[in-house]
Protein backbone atom coordinates (compact mmCIF):
# COMPACT_ATOMS: atom_id res chain seq x y z
CA MET A 1 -67.27 -55.40 -145.84
CA ALA A 2 -64.75 -53.83 -144.22
CA ALA A 3 -63.83 -50.12 -146.19
CA ARG A 4 -60.94 -50.26 -148.85
CA VAL A 5 -57.20 -50.12 -147.38
CA THR A 6 -54.51 -48.36 -148.91
CA PRO A 7 -50.93 -49.08 -147.79
CA ARG A 8 -50.49 -45.19 -147.10
CA ASP A 9 -53.75 -45.82 -145.07
CA VAL A 10 -51.83 -48.45 -142.64
CA SER A 11 -49.49 -48.14 -140.12
CA SER A 12 -48.42 -49.03 -136.36
CA ILE A 13 -49.69 -46.47 -133.20
CA LEU A 14 -45.67 -47.61 -133.09
CA VAL A 15 -45.28 -45.54 -136.68
CA ALA A 16 -47.50 -43.14 -135.93
CA ALA A 17 -45.69 -42.28 -132.28
CA ASP A 18 -41.96 -42.65 -134.12
CA ALA A 19 -43.26 -40.43 -136.80
CA VAL A 20 -44.39 -36.88 -134.25
CA GLY A 21 -41.48 -37.79 -132.14
CA MET A 22 -44.16 -39.21 -128.96
CA SER A 23 -43.25 -42.37 -126.52
CA ARG A 24 -44.74 -45.06 -127.42
CA GLN A 25 -46.19 -45.35 -124.72
CA ASP A 26 -48.12 -42.35 -124.70
CA ALA A 27 -49.45 -43.03 -127.96
CA TRP A 28 -50.49 -46.16 -126.70
CA MET A 29 -52.34 -43.99 -123.12
CA ARG A 30 -53.82 -41.32 -125.94
CA GLU A 31 -55.05 -44.43 -127.38
CA HIS A 32 -56.56 -45.84 -124.98
CA LYS A 33 -57.96 -42.67 -123.64
CA GLU A 34 -60.15 -42.75 -126.61
CA LEU A 35 -58.40 -39.97 -128.55
CA LEU A 36 -57.38 -41.80 -131.42
CA GLU A 37 -59.49 -43.85 -133.85
CA PRO A 38 -57.40 -47.00 -135.58
CA GLY A 39 -59.42 -48.13 -138.70
CA ARG A 40 -60.00 -51.42 -138.37
CA ILE A 41 -57.91 -54.04 -140.93
CA GLU A 42 -59.97 -57.38 -142.41
CA GLY A 43 -58.75 -59.58 -139.35
CA GLY A 44 -59.59 -57.04 -137.13
CA THR A 45 -56.58 -55.68 -136.88
CA PRO A 46 -55.95 -52.07 -136.53
CA PHE A 47 -54.22 -48.98 -138.51
CA HIS A 48 -53.47 -45.83 -138.14
CA ARG A 49 -53.76 -42.60 -140.95
CA ASP A 50 -52.15 -39.64 -141.36
CA GLU A 51 -55.21 -38.13 -139.92
CA ASP A 52 -53.66 -39.81 -136.21
CA ALA A 53 -50.21 -38.58 -136.51
CA ALA A 54 -51.48 -35.12 -136.69
CA MET A 55 -53.24 -35.38 -133.51
CA LEU A 56 -50.16 -37.24 -131.37
CA ARG A 57 -48.42 -34.32 -133.20
CA ARG A 58 -51.14 -32.05 -131.74
CA ILE A 59 -51.30 -33.36 -128.47
CA ALA A 60 -47.15 -33.52 -128.33
CA GLU A 61 -47.14 -29.47 -128.78
CA ARG A 62 -48.88 -29.07 -126.09
CA LEU A 63 -47.53 -31.16 -123.81
CA ALA A 64 -44.27 -29.07 -125.04
CA ARG A 65 -45.78 -26.12 -123.68
CA GLN A 66 -47.00 -27.01 -120.59
């Protein structure tokens, strides 16, 4: 049985990237490298939670300091 998902939980990687000021390509790359673990709603569509956006924000901040 799939976990119950609320509308607040559901966000695409693009929305999460935009929320933290990261390029979409960088966010996709982080997801591909499995730094983010999206949940899945019925049908297999991925969704990201606030924790994923926070992770992207930390990554962006660290990259900006380099």
